[in-house]
């Protein structure tokens, strides 16, 4: 992860809508910094309307969306294979915008003071003084734990 004090900005595009059958893919795209909304239960026509009104790219496993404009149907079950397909299809920059969006609400995360959140984060993080980020909307806190090294290696393997 890069400098903790630098405000990281989301990727400039494209933005996505993920059908309810590819939510894990959607959260992973958020990790990479791509503006990604997750569609809950609802009729396909509602998802089509949202895609068309917002100009977002629709990602789905549903073959009912085959050959529709601004839609990519990923036929496989595995989210990592789906991610590989999306990254290649849209030529996504998978290095520059990592960890800039909240995984829960898709809003920007910003650097915050470790000392102000001492009771809410692990003690080791307080002792080493961060880094720490917080969602600008839902206020969820993020820090670079050991899981980050694993994700970095996986993302780097995408190319």
N, C-alpha and C. Protein backbone atom coordinates (compact mmCIF):
# COMPACT_ATOMS: atom_id res chain seq x y z
N UNK A 1 0.85 -1.18 0.00
CA UNK A 1 0.00 0.00 0.00
C UNK A 1 0.89 1.23 0.00
N UNK A 2 0.44 2.26 -0.70
CA UNK A 2 1.27 3.45 -0.83
C UNK A 2 1.17 4.35 0.39
N UNK A 3 1.70 5.53 0.27
CA UNK A 3 1.80 6.47 1.39
C UNK A 3 0.48 6.66 2.12
N UNK A 4 0.50 6.52 3.46
CA UNK A 4 -0.74 6.62 4.22
C UNK A 4 -1.35 8.01 4.22
N UNK A 5 -0.56 9.03 4.03
CA UNK A 5 -1.10 10.39 4.10
C UNK A 5 -1.68 10.84 2.76
N UNK A 6 -1.36 10.13 1.70
CA UNK A 6 -1.86 10.51 0.38
C UNK A 6 -3.33 10.11 0.24
N UNK A 7 -4.15 11.03 -0.19
CA UNK A 7 -5.54 10.69 -0.47
C UNK A 7 -5.55 9.95 -1.80
N UNK A 8 -6.08 8.77 -1.76
CA UNK A 8 -6.16 7.95 -2.97
C UNK A 8 -7.48 8.23 -3.68
N UNK A 9 -7.42 8.35 -4.97
CA UNK A 9 -8.60 8.65 -5.75
C UNK A 9 -9.08 7.41 -6.49
N UNK A 10 -10.39 7.25 -6.63
CA UNK A 10 -10.91 6.12 -7.40
C UNK A 10 -10.48 6.20 -8.86
N UNK A 11 -10.53 5.06 -9.51
CA UNK A 11 -10.18 4.99 -10.92
C UNK A 11 -11.13 5.86 -11.74
N UNK A 12 -10.63 6.48 -12.80
CA UNK A 12 -11.45 7.38 -13.60
C UNK A 12 -12.54 6.68 -14.41
N UNK A 13 -12.50 5.38 -14.53
CA UNK A 13 -13.57 4.70 -15.26
C UNK A 13 -13.09 3.38 -15.77
N UNK A 14 -13.94 2.55 -16.25
CA UNK A 14 -15.39 2.67 -16.26
C UNK A 14 -16.01 2.41 -14.89
N UNK A 15 -17.29 2.76 -14.77
CA UNK A 15 -18.05 2.44 -13.55
C UNK A 15 -18.94 1.24 -13.86
N UNK A 16 -19.23 0.45 -12.83
CA UNK A 16 -19.94 -0.81 -13.04
C UNK A 16 -21.19 -0.93 -12.19
N UNK A 17 -22.11 -1.74 -12.67
CA UNK A 17 -23.22 -2.31 -11.90
C UNK A 17 -23.00 -3.81 -11.89
N UNK A 18 -23.02 -4.42 -10.73
CA UNK A 18 -22.88 -5.87 -10.64
C UNK A 18 -24.22 -6.48 -10.25
N UNK A 19 -24.66 -7.41 -11.07
CA UNK A 19 -25.87 -8.18 -10.79
C UNK A 19 -25.66 -8.95 -9.49
N UNK A 20 -26.72 -9.39 -8.86
CA UNK A 20 -26.59 -10.07 -7.57
C UNK A 20 -25.83 -11.39 -7.65
N UNK A 21 -25.59 -11.91 -8.84
CA UNK A 21 -24.85 -13.16 -8.99
C UNK A 21 -23.34 -12.95 -9.13
N UNK A 22 -22.89 -11.70 -9.05
CA UNK A 22 -21.45 -11.41 -9.12
C UNK A 22 -21.02 -10.36 -8.08
N UNK A 23 -21.64 -10.39 -6.91
CA UNK A 23 -21.31 -9.40 -5.88
C UNK A 23 -19.87 -9.49 -5.40
N UNK A 24 -19.32 -10.70 -5.29
CA UNK A 24 -17.92 -10.81 -4.84
C UNK A 24 -16.99 -10.15 -5.85
N UNK A 25 -17.27 -10.34 -7.11
CA UNK A 25 -16.53 -9.64 -8.16
C UNK A 25 -16.64 -8.14 -7.96
N UNK A 26 -17.84 -7.66 -7.66
CA UNK A 26 -18.04 -6.22 -7.46
C UNK A 26 -17.22 -5.66 -6.31
N UNK A 27 -17.19 -6.38 -5.19
CA UNK A 27 -16.39 -5.92 -4.05
C UNK A 27 -14.90 -5.92 -4.40
N UNK A 28 -14.48 -6.88 -5.20
CA UNK A 28 -13.08 -6.93 -5.61
C UNK A 28 -12.75 -5.77 -6.55
N UNK A 29 -13.66 -5.42 -7.43
CA UNK A 29 -13.46 -4.25 -8.28
C UNK A 29 -13.35 -2.98 -7.43
N UNK A 30 -14.12 -2.91 -6.35
CA UNK A 30 -13.98 -1.77 -5.43
C UNK A 30 -12.60 -1.75 -4.81
N UNK A 31 -12.05 -2.93 -4.48
CA UNK A 31 -10.69 -2.98 -3.94
C UNK A 31 -9.69 -2.40 -4.92
N UNK A 32 -9.94 -2.58 -6.19
CA UNK A 32 -9.06 -2.06 -7.22
C UNK A 32 -9.33 -0.59 -7.53
N UNK A 33 -10.35 0.00 -6.89
CA UNK A 33 -10.63 1.41 -7.04
C UNK A 33 -11.69 1.76 -8.06
N UNK A 34 -12.43 0.77 -8.54
CA UNK A 34 -13.45 1.02 -9.56
C UNK A 34 -14.82 1.21 -8.93
N UNK A 35 -15.46 2.31 -9.29
CA UNK A 35 -16.79 2.66 -8.82
C UNK A 35 -17.75 1.54 -9.24
N UNK A 36 -18.24 0.79 -8.25
CA UNK A 36 -19.04 -0.41 -8.53
C UNK A 36 -20.24 -0.47 -7.60
N UNK A 37 -21.42 -0.45 -8.19
CA UNK A 37 -22.65 -0.60 -7.42
C UNK A 37 -23.12 -2.04 -7.50
N UNK A 38 -23.69 -2.53 -6.40
CA UNK A 38 -24.16 -3.90 -6.31
C UNK A 38 -25.68 -3.90 -6.36
N UNK A 39 -26.23 -4.63 -7.32
CA UNK A 39 -27.68 -4.70 -7.49
C UNK A 39 -28.21 -5.84 -6.64
N UNK A 40 -29.22 -5.56 -5.84
CA UNK A 40 -29.85 -6.59 -5.01
C UNK A 40 -30.87 -7.38 -5.81
N UNK A 41 -31.78 -7.97 -5.11
CA UNK A 41 -32.84 -8.73 -5.78
C UNK A 41 -33.76 -7.76 -6.52
N UNK A 42 -34.16 -8.16 -7.68
CA UNK A 42 -35.06 -7.33 -8.46
C UNK A 42 -35.14 -7.83 -9.89
N UNK A 43 -36.09 -7.32 -10.63
CA UNK A 43 -36.27 -7.78 -12.02
C UNK A 43 -35.13 -7.30 -12.93
N UNK A 44 -34.85 -8.10 -13.93
CA UNK A 44 -33.80 -7.76 -14.90
C UNK A 44 -34.07 -6.41 -15.55
N UNK A 45 -35.34 -6.10 -15.81
CA UNK A 45 -35.66 -4.83 -16.46
C UNK A 45 -35.25 -3.63 -15.62
N UNK A 46 -35.32 -3.77 -14.29
CA UNK A 46 -34.88 -2.68 -13.41
C UNK A 46 -33.37 -2.48 -13.53
N UNK A 47 -32.64 -3.57 -13.60
CA UNK A 47 -31.19 -3.49 -13.76
C UNK A 47 -30.84 -2.88 -15.12
N UNK A 48 -31.56 -3.27 -16.14
CA UNK A 48 -31.34 -2.66 -17.47
C UNK A 48 -31.59 -1.15 -17.42
N UNK A 49 -32.68 -0.74 -16.77
CA UNK A 49 -33.01 0.68 -16.67
C UNK A 49 -31.89 1.44 -15.96
N UNK A 50 -31.42 0.89 -14.84
CA UNK A 50 -30.34 1.54 -14.08
C UNK A 50 -29.06 1.63 -14.91
N UNK A 51 -28.72 0.55 -15.60
CA UNK A 51 -27.54 0.55 -16.47
C UNK A 51 -27.65 1.65 -17.52
N UNK A 52 -28.81 1.71 -18.16
CA UNK A 52 -28.99 2.65 -19.27
C UNK A 52 -29.04 4.09 -18.78
N UNK A 53 -29.65 4.35 -17.63
CA UNK A 53 -29.76 5.71 -17.12
C UNK A 53 -28.43 6.25 -16.59
N UNK A 54 -27.59 5.35 -16.06
CA UNK A 54 -26.35 5.80 -15.43
C UNK A 54 -25.14 5.69 -16.35
N UNK A 55 -25.24 4.91 -17.41
CA UNK A 55 -24.10 4.70 -18.30
C UNK A 55 -23.07 3.73 -17.75
N UNK A 56 -23.41 3.05 -16.66
CA UNK A 56 -22.49 2.07 -16.08
C UNK A 56 -22.45 0.81 -16.94
N UNK A 57 -21.36 0.09 -16.82
CA UNK A 57 -21.23 -1.21 -17.47
C UNK A 57 -21.87 -2.25 -16.54
N UNK A 58 -22.70 -3.10 -17.11
CA UNK A 58 -23.36 -4.15 -16.34
C UNK A 58 -22.53 -5.42 -16.40
N UNK A 59 -22.30 -6.01 -15.23
CA UNK A 59 -21.61 -7.30 -15.14
C UNK A 59 -22.58 -8.30 -14.54
N UNK A 60 -22.70 -9.47 -15.19
CA UNK A 60 -23.66 -10.47 -14.75
C UNK A 60 -23.23 -11.86 -15.22
N UNK A 61 -23.80 -12.88 -14.59
CA UNK A 61 -23.66 -14.25 -15.08
C UNK A 61 -24.91 -14.68 -15.82
N UNK A 62 -25.92 -13.85 -15.83
CA UNK A 62 -27.23 -14.16 -16.39
C UNK A 62 -27.19 -14.09 -17.91
N UNK A 63 -27.44 -15.22 -18.56
CA UNK A 63 -27.38 -15.27 -20.03
C UNK A 63 -28.51 -14.46 -20.68
N UNK A 64 -29.51 -14.02 -19.91
CA UNK A 64 -30.55 -13.16 -20.47
C UNK A 64 -29.98 -11.81 -20.94
N UNK A 65 -28.79 -11.47 -20.46
CA UNK A 65 -28.16 -10.20 -20.82
C UNK A 65 -27.18 -10.34 -21.99
N UNK A 66 -27.03 -11.53 -22.54
CA UNK A 66 -26.09 -11.74 -23.64
C UNK A 66 -26.37 -10.79 -24.80
N UNK A 67 -25.31 -10.28 -25.37
CA UNK A 67 -25.36 -9.42 -26.56
C UNK A 67 -26.05 -8.07 -26.33
N UNK A 68 -26.20 -7.66 -25.07
CA UNK A 68 -26.76 -6.34 -24.81
C UNK A 68 -25.63 -5.32 -24.70
N UNK A 69 -25.91 -4.12 -25.15
CA UNK A 69 -24.93 -3.04 -25.10
C UNK A 69 -24.57 -2.71 -23.65
N UNK A 70 -23.32 -2.34 -23.44
CA UNK A 70 -22.80 -1.97 -22.12
C UNK A 70 -22.96 -3.07 -21.08
N UNK A 71 -22.86 -4.31 -21.53
CA UNK A 71 -23.03 -5.47 -20.65
C UNK A 71 -21.98 -6.52 -20.97
N UNK A 72 -21.40 -7.07 -19.91
CA UNK A 72 -20.48 -8.19 -20.06
C UNK A 72 -21.01 -9.35 -19.22
N UNK A 73 -21.31 -10.45 -19.88
CA UNK A 73 -21.75 -11.65 -19.18
C UNK A 73 -20.51 -12.52 -18.95
N UNK A 74 -20.23 -12.76 -17.67
CA UNK A 74 -19.11 -13.62 -17.30
C UNK A 74 -19.69 -14.97 -16.92
N UNK A 75 -19.37 -15.98 -17.69
CA UNK A 75 -20.03 -17.27 -17.54
C UNK A 75 -19.52 -18.15 -16.43
N UNK A 76 -18.38 -17.85 -15.86
CA UNK A 76 -17.79 -18.73 -14.85
C UNK A 76 -18.29 -18.39 -13.45
N UNK A 77 -18.15 -19.37 -12.54
CA UNK A 77 -18.60 -19.20 -11.15
C UNK A 77 -17.56 -18.50 -10.27
N UNK A 78 -16.30 -18.73 -10.52
CA UNK A 78 -15.22 -18.26 -9.66
C UNK A 78 -14.99 -16.76 -9.83
N UNK A 79 -15.02 -16.02 -8.72
CA UNK A 79 -14.89 -14.57 -8.82
C UNK A 79 -13.54 -14.14 -9.37
N UNK A 80 -12.48 -14.90 -9.10
CA UNK A 80 -11.17 -14.50 -9.59
C UNK A 80 -11.09 -14.66 -11.11
N UNK A 81 -11.68 -15.73 -11.63
CA UNK A 81 -11.75 -15.90 -13.08
C UNK A 81 -12.61 -14.81 -13.71
N UNK A 82 -13.70 -14.44 -13.03
CA UNK A 82 -14.54 -13.34 -13.50
C UNK A 82 -13.73 -12.04 -13.55
N UNK A 83 -12.95 -11.81 -12.50
CA UNK A 83 -12.12 -10.61 -12.44
C UNK A 83 -11.12 -10.57 -13.59
N UNK A 84 -10.49 -11.69 -13.87
CA UNK A 84 -9.54 -11.75 -14.98
C UNK A 84 -10.22 -11.37 -16.30
N UNK A 85 -11.44 -11.85 -16.50
CA UNK A 85 -12.20 -11.54 -17.72
C UNK A 85 -12.49 -10.05 -17.80
N UNK A 86 -12.96 -9.46 -16.71
CA UNK A 86 -13.32 -8.04 -16.69
C UNK A 86 -12.08 -7.16 -16.89
N UNK A 87 -10.99 -7.49 -16.20
CA UNK A 87 -9.76 -6.71 -16.33
C UNK A 87 -9.29 -6.71 -17.78
N UNK A 88 -9.31 -7.87 -18.41
CA UNK A 88 -8.86 -7.96 -19.80
C UNK A 88 -9.83 -7.25 -20.75
N UNK A 89 -11.12 -7.50 -20.58
CA UNK A 89 -12.13 -6.93 -21.48
C UNK A 89 -12.11 -5.41 -21.48
N UNK A 90 -11.98 -4.80 -20.30
CA UNK A 90 -12.02 -3.34 -20.19
C UNK A 90 -10.63 -2.71 -20.06
N UNK A 91 -9.57 -3.52 -20.18
CA UNK A 91 -8.20 -3.03 -20.05
C UNK A 91 -8.03 -2.16 -18.80
N UNK A 92 -8.43 -2.71 -17.66
CA UNK A 92 -8.42 -1.94 -16.41
C UNK A 92 -7.00 -1.75 -15.87
N UNK A 93 -6.76 -0.59 -15.33
CA UNK A 93 -5.53 -0.29 -14.61
C UNK A 93 -5.71 -0.88 -13.21
N UNK A 94 -4.98 -1.94 -12.92
CA UNK A 94 -5.19 -2.64 -11.64
C UNK A 94 -4.13 -2.28 -10.59
N UNK A 95 -3.31 -1.30 -10.87
CA UNK A 95 -2.26 -0.92 -9.92
C UNK A 95 -2.47 0.47 -9.30
N UNK A 96 -2.95 1.42 -10.06
CA UNK A 96 -2.91 2.82 -9.65
C UNK A 96 -3.95 3.26 -8.63
N UNK A 97 -5.06 2.54 -8.50
CA UNK A 97 -6.17 3.06 -7.70
C UNK A 97 -6.60 2.10 -6.58
N UNK A 98 -5.76 1.13 -6.28
CA UNK A 98 -6.11 0.13 -5.26
C UNK A 98 -6.44 0.79 -3.92
N UNK A 99 -7.44 0.21 -3.25
CA UNK A 99 -7.80 0.58 -1.88
C UNK A 99 -8.17 2.05 -1.74
N UNK A 100 -8.93 2.56 -2.68
CA UNK A 100 -9.38 3.95 -2.61
C UNK A 100 -10.86 4.07 -2.30
N UNK A 101 -11.58 2.93 -2.35
CA UNK A 101 -13.03 2.95 -2.10
C UNK A 101 -13.40 2.02 -0.95
N UNK A 102 -14.45 2.39 -0.25
CA UNK A 102 -14.99 1.54 0.80
C UNK A 102 -15.61 0.29 0.18
N UNK A 103 -15.30 -0.84 0.74
CA UNK A 103 -15.83 -2.10 0.22
C UNK A 103 -17.33 -2.23 0.49
N UNK A 104 -17.81 -1.55 1.52
CA UNK A 104 -19.23 -1.66 1.89
C UNK A 104 -20.13 -0.69 1.13
N UNK A 105 -19.70 0.57 1.01
CA UNK A 105 -20.62 1.56 0.44
C UNK A 105 -20.10 2.27 -0.80
N UNK A 106 -18.89 1.92 -1.26
CA UNK A 106 -18.39 2.42 -2.54
C UNK A 106 -17.98 3.89 -2.51
N UNK A 107 -17.79 4.46 -1.33
CA UNK A 107 -17.38 5.86 -1.23
C UNK A 107 -15.87 5.94 -0.97
N UNK A 108 -15.30 7.12 -1.14
CA UNK A 108 -13.85 7.30 -0.97
C UNK A 108 -13.42 7.05 0.47
N UNK A 109 -12.22 6.49 0.63
CA UNK A 109 -11.62 6.38 1.95
C UNK A 109 -10.48 7.39 2.03
N UNK A 110 -10.32 7.97 3.23
CA UNK A 110 -9.35 9.05 3.41
C UNK A 110 -8.46 8.74 4.62
N UNK A 111 -7.22 9.25 4.64
CA UNK A 111 -6.35 9.06 5.80
C UNK A 111 -6.92 9.75 7.03
N UNK A 112 -6.81 9.08 8.18
CA UNK A 112 -7.27 9.65 9.45
C UNK A 112 -6.23 9.38 10.53
N UNK A 113 -6.37 10.09 11.63
CA UNK A 113 -5.46 9.97 12.76
C UNK A 113 -5.71 8.68 13.54
N UNK A 114 -4.64 7.93 13.77
CA UNK A 114 -4.73 6.70 14.55
C UNK A 114 -5.15 7.01 15.98
N UNK A 115 -4.60 8.06 16.57
CA UNK A 115 -4.87 8.38 17.97
C UNK A 115 -6.35 8.68 18.23
N UNK A 116 -7.04 9.25 17.27
CA UNK A 116 -8.45 9.57 17.44
C UNK A 116 -9.35 8.33 17.42
N UNK A 117 -8.81 7.19 16.99
CA UNK A 117 -9.59 5.97 16.87
C UNK A 117 -9.02 4.84 17.71
N UNK A 118 -8.23 5.18 18.72
CA UNK A 118 -7.49 4.19 19.50
C UNK A 118 -8.36 3.09 20.10
N UNK A 119 -9.54 3.36 20.52
CA UNK A 119 -10.39 2.34 21.11
C UNK A 119 -11.10 1.44 20.11
N UNK A 120 -11.00 1.78 18.84
CA UNK A 120 -11.73 1.05 17.80
C UNK A 120 -10.84 0.20 16.90
N UNK A 121 -9.53 0.26 17.10
CA UNK A 121 -8.59 -0.44 16.23
C UNK A 121 -7.64 -1.29 17.07
N UNK A 122 -6.95 -2.25 16.45
CA UNK A 122 -6.02 -3.09 17.21
C UNK A 122 -4.92 -2.26 17.89
N UNK A 123 -4.51 -2.70 19.06
CA UNK A 123 -3.49 -2.00 19.85
C UNK A 123 -2.17 -1.88 19.08
N UNK A 124 -1.78 -2.93 18.34
CA UNK A 124 -0.53 -2.88 17.60
C UNK A 124 -0.53 -1.73 16.59
N UNK A 125 -1.70 -1.41 16.05
CA UNK A 125 -1.81 -0.32 15.09
C UNK A 125 -1.61 1.03 15.78
N UNK A 126 -2.12 1.14 17.00
CA UNK A 126 -1.93 2.36 17.78
C UNK A 126 -0.45 2.53 18.13
N UNK A 127 0.20 1.43 18.55
CA UNK A 127 1.62 1.50 18.93
C UNK A 127 2.51 1.91 17.76
N UNK A 128 2.21 1.42 16.57
CA UNK A 128 3.07 1.76 15.42
C UNK A 128 2.57 3.00 14.68
N UNK A 129 1.47 3.59 15.18
CA UNK A 129 0.91 4.82 14.63
C UNK A 129 0.50 4.71 13.16
N UNK A 130 -0.24 3.64 12.87
CA UNK A 130 -0.91 3.58 11.57
C UNK A 130 -0.20 2.83 10.49
N UNK A 131 -0.58 3.06 9.29
CA UNK A 131 -1.54 4.02 8.75
C UNK A 131 -3.00 3.55 8.93
N UNK A 132 -3.90 4.51 8.84
CA UNK A 132 -5.32 4.25 9.03
C UNK A 132 -6.12 5.11 8.06
N UNK A 133 -7.18 4.52 7.49
CA UNK A 133 -8.07 5.24 6.59
C UNK A 133 -9.49 5.03 7.06
N UNK A 134 -10.38 5.96 6.65
CA UNK A 134 -11.78 5.85 7.03
C UNK A 134 -12.66 6.21 5.84
N UNK A 135 -13.76 5.48 5.72
CA UNK A 135 -14.74 5.81 4.68
C UNK A 135 -15.35 7.16 4.97
N UNK A 136 -15.46 7.97 3.95
CA UNK A 136 -16.02 9.32 4.10
C UNK A 136 -17.53 9.30 4.31
N UNK A 137 -18.16 8.16 4.09
CA UNK A 137 -19.62 8.09 4.22
C UNK A 137 -20.06 7.22 5.41
N UNK A 138 -19.72 5.94 5.39
CA UNK A 138 -20.18 5.02 6.45
C UNK A 138 -19.24 4.98 7.65
N UNK A 139 -18.07 5.61 7.53
CA UNK A 139 -17.07 5.76 8.60
C UNK A 139 -16.36 4.45 8.97
N UNK A 140 -16.46 3.43 8.15
CA UNK A 140 -15.72 2.19 8.38
C UNK A 140 -14.23 2.48 8.34
N UNK A 141 -13.48 1.85 9.24
CA UNK A 141 -12.03 2.04 9.32
C UNK A 141 -11.30 0.93 8.56
N UNK A 142 -10.18 1.30 7.94
CA UNK A 142 -9.34 0.36 7.19
C UNK A 142 -7.88 0.54 7.60
N UNK A 143 -7.15 -0.56 7.71
CA UNK A 143 -5.71 -0.50 7.97
C UNK A 143 -5.04 -1.64 7.23
N UNK A 144 -3.74 -1.52 7.08
CA UNK A 144 -2.96 -2.49 6.31
C UNK A 144 -2.52 -3.63 7.22
N UNK A 145 -3.34 -4.67 7.28
CA UNK A 145 -2.99 -5.86 8.04
C UNK A 145 -2.29 -6.89 7.16
N UNK A 146 -2.03 -8.06 7.71
CA UNK A 146 -1.31 -9.10 6.96
C UNK A 146 -2.08 -9.57 5.73
N UNK A 147 -3.40 -9.45 5.75
CA UNK A 147 -4.21 -9.86 4.61
C UNK A 147 -3.87 -9.04 3.35
N UNK A 148 -3.37 -7.84 3.55
CA UNK A 148 -3.08 -6.97 2.42
C UNK A 148 -1.94 -7.52 1.56
N UNK A 149 -0.92 -8.10 2.19
CA UNK A 149 0.18 -8.69 1.42
C UNK A 149 -0.33 -9.79 0.50
N UNK A 150 -1.25 -10.60 1.00
CA UNK A 150 -1.83 -11.67 0.19
C UNK A 150 -2.60 -11.09 -1.00
N UNK A 151 -3.41 -10.07 -0.76
CA UNK A 151 -4.19 -9.48 -1.85
C UNK A 151 -3.28 -8.78 -2.85
N UNK A 152 -2.25 -8.11 -2.37
CA UNK A 152 -1.30 -7.45 -3.28
C UNK A 152 -0.68 -8.47 -4.24
N UNK A 153 -0.26 -9.61 -3.70
CA UNK A 153 0.35 -10.65 -4.52
C UNK A 153 -0.64 -11.17 -5.55
N UNK A 154 -1.89 -11.37 -5.13
CA UNK A 154 -2.91 -11.87 -6.07
C UNK A 154 -3.17 -10.82 -7.17
N UNK A 155 -3.32 -9.57 -6.77
CA UNK A 155 -3.56 -8.54 -7.78
C UNK A 155 -2.38 -8.41 -8.74
N UNK A 156 -1.17 -8.47 -8.21
CA UNK A 156 0.01 -8.37 -9.06
C UNK A 156 0.06 -9.53 -10.06
N UNK A 157 -0.49 -10.66 -9.70
CA UNK A 157 -0.48 -11.82 -10.61
C UNK A 157 -1.42 -11.63 -11.79
N UNK A 158 -2.32 -10.65 -11.70
CA UNK A 158 -3.23 -10.39 -12.82
C UNK A 158 -2.52 -9.76 -14.00
N UNK A 159 -1.36 -9.19 -13.76
CA UNK A 159 -0.61 -8.64 -14.87
C UNK A 159 -0.46 -7.18 -14.76
